[in-house]
Amino acid sequence: MAKKKEQTFYLISYRDAKDAKVLTLKAQTVNDSSLGLSFVAISDFVFDTKSVVINPEEEDQKRQFEGVKTLHLSIYTIISIEEVGENHRGLKFKKDKSNLVILSPELPPKGK
């Protein structure tokens, strides 16, 4: 008997520009963007329709990306892209330091 090939998809973790929250999006296609080198094109979004438990975050994403054909994300907002199987839970960050801002020390004024 032939084994059924497991469906793979991508988990894209990125920082949302609106409220700086880290969001994870599931998609079947990740390509270079037509907008330029600093963008990634994400399409064929995947939403869990088999689960009995309703995930409010996923429902919000489903409504948000309902009519979207392709999402172009800046490479500077993307934290990680994972190619995973159908039953994978995804990467979890214990300490998210992606919003860390490092300020350079001020130089003393010249002549003092």
Protein backbone atom coordinates (compact mmCIF):
# COMPACT_ATOMS: atom_id res chain seq x y z
CA MET A 1 0.00 0.00 0.00
CA ALA A 2 1.36 3.41 -0.97
CA LYS A 3 2.03 5.88 1.81
CA LYS A 4 0.03 9.11 1.69
CA LYS A 5 2.42 12.03 1.24
CA GLU A 6 2.22 14.45 4.15
CA GLN A 7 1.14 17.95 3.12
CA THR A 8 3.75 20.57 3.95
CA PHE A 9 3.27 24.28 4.46
CA TYR A 10 5.19 27.26 5.82
CA LEU A 11 4.86 28.91 9.23
CA ILE A 12 5.86 32.54 8.89
CA SER A 13 6.50 34.39 12.16
CA TYR A 14 6.59 38.14 11.69
CA ARG A 15 6.17 41.36 13.62
CA ASP A 16 2.97 43.17 12.67
CA ALA A 17 3.62 46.82 11.78
CA LYS A 18 0.32 48.04 13.28
CA ASP A 19 0.75 46.94 16.89
CA ALA A 20 4.25 45.33 16.99
CA LYS A 21 2.83 41.93 18.00
CA VAL A 22 4.51 38.75 16.77
CA LEU A 23 2.05 36.85 14.56
CA THR A 24 2.34 33.46 12.88
CA LEU A 25 0.75 32.81 9.52
CA LYS A 26 0.39 29.47 7.68
CA ALA A 27 0.79 29.43 3.89
CA GLN A 28 1.53 26.95 1.15
CA THR A 29 3.60 29.28 -1.04
CA VAL A 30 6.53 31.55 -0.18
CA ASN A 31 8.37 33.25 -3.09
CA ASP A 32 10.47 36.25 -4.00
CA SER A 33 8.30 39.33 -4.23
CA SER A 34 7.78 41.36 -7.38
CA LEU A 35 8.10 44.49 -5.20
CA GLY A 36 11.86 44.13 -4.82
CA LEU A 37 14.68 42.40 -3.00
CA SER A 38 13.60 43.36 0.50
CA PHE A 39 10.16 41.72 0.27
CA VAL A 40 8.84 38.15 0.44
CA ALA A 41 5.56 37.14 -1.27
CA ILE A 42 3.29 34.83 0.76
CA SER A 43 0.19 33.25 -0.76
CA ASP A 44 -2.19 30.26 -0.52
CA PHE A 45 -2.98 30.83 3.15
CA VAL A 46 -3.85 27.78 5.28
CA PHE A 47 -6.44 27.96 8.07
CA ASP A 48 -7.48 25.11 10.35
CA THR A 49 -11.05 24.14 9.47
CA LYS A 50 -11.01 20.63 10.99
CA SER A 51 -10.55 21.63 14.62
CA VAL A 52 -13.47 21.70 17.03
CA VAL A 53 -11.70 24.26 19.23
CA ILE A 54 -11.92 27.82 17.91
CA ASN A 55 -8.73 29.85 18.06
CA PRO A 56 -9.68 33.57 18.19
CA GLU A 57 -6.31 34.69 16.79
CA GLU A 58 -6.65 32.38 13.79
CA GLU A 59 -10.25 33.49 13.23
CA ASP A 60 -9.08 37.13 13.17
CA GLN A 61 -6.39 36.24 10.63
CA LYS A 62 -8.93 34.35 8.54
CA ARG A 63 -11.13 37.48 8.35
CA GLN A 64 -8.15 39.77 7.76
CA PHE A 65 -6.72 37.73 4.86
CA GLU A 66 -10.06 36.60 3.38
CA GLY A 67 -9.73 38.52 0.10
CA VAL A 68 -5.93 38.74 0.00
CA LYS A 69 -4.29 37.02 -2.95
CA THR A 70 -0.66 37.67 -1.96
CA LEU A 71 0.87 39.26 1.15
CA HIS A 72 4.19 41.05 0.58
CA LEU A 73 6.17 41.25 3.83
CA SER A 74 9.39 43.17 4.37
CA ILE A 75 12.32 40.92 5.23
CA TYR A 76 12.95 43.21 8.21
CA THR A 77 9.64 42.22 9.85
CA ILE A 78 10.06 38.46 9.32
CA ILE A 79 11.42 36.58 12.34
CA SER A 80 11.39 33.05 10.93
CA ILE A 81 10.03 30.90 8.11
CA GLU A 82 9.61 27.18 8.80
CA GLU A 83 8.68 24.50 6.28
CA VAL A 84 6.73 21.95 8.32
CA GLY A 85 4.39 19.02 8.03
CA GLU A 86 0.65 19.05 8.58
CA ASN A 87 0.75 18.16 12.30
CA HIS A 88 3.67 20.39 13.35
CA ARG A 89 3.01 22.87 16.16
CA GLY A 90 5.66 25.39 15.15
CA LEU A 91 8.54 27.18 16.77
CA LYS A 92 8.03 28.79 20.16
CA PHE A 93 10.32 31.51 21.46
CA LYS A 94 10.82 31.52 25.23
CA LYS A 95 12.21 35.03 25.37
CA ASP A 96 11.25 37.20 22.42
CA LYS A 97 13.94 39.85 22.09
CA SER A 98 13.08 40.87 18.53
CA ASN A 99 11.71 44.21 19.75
CA LEU A 100 14.97 45.04 21.52
CA VAL A 101 16.34 48.47 20.61
CA ILE A 102 20.01 49.20 21.26
CA LEU A 103 20.91 52.85 21.49
CA SER A 104 24.48 53.95 20.95
CA PRO A 105 26.05 55.97 23.77
CA GLU A 106 26.15 59.69 23.21
CA LEU A 107 29.54 61.13 22.41
CA PRO A 108 30.72 64.05 24.53
CA PRO A 109 30.65 67.45 22.77
CA LYS A 110 33.88 68.40 21.00
CA GLY A 111 36.29 70.66 22.82
CA LYS A 112 35.37 69.57 26.36
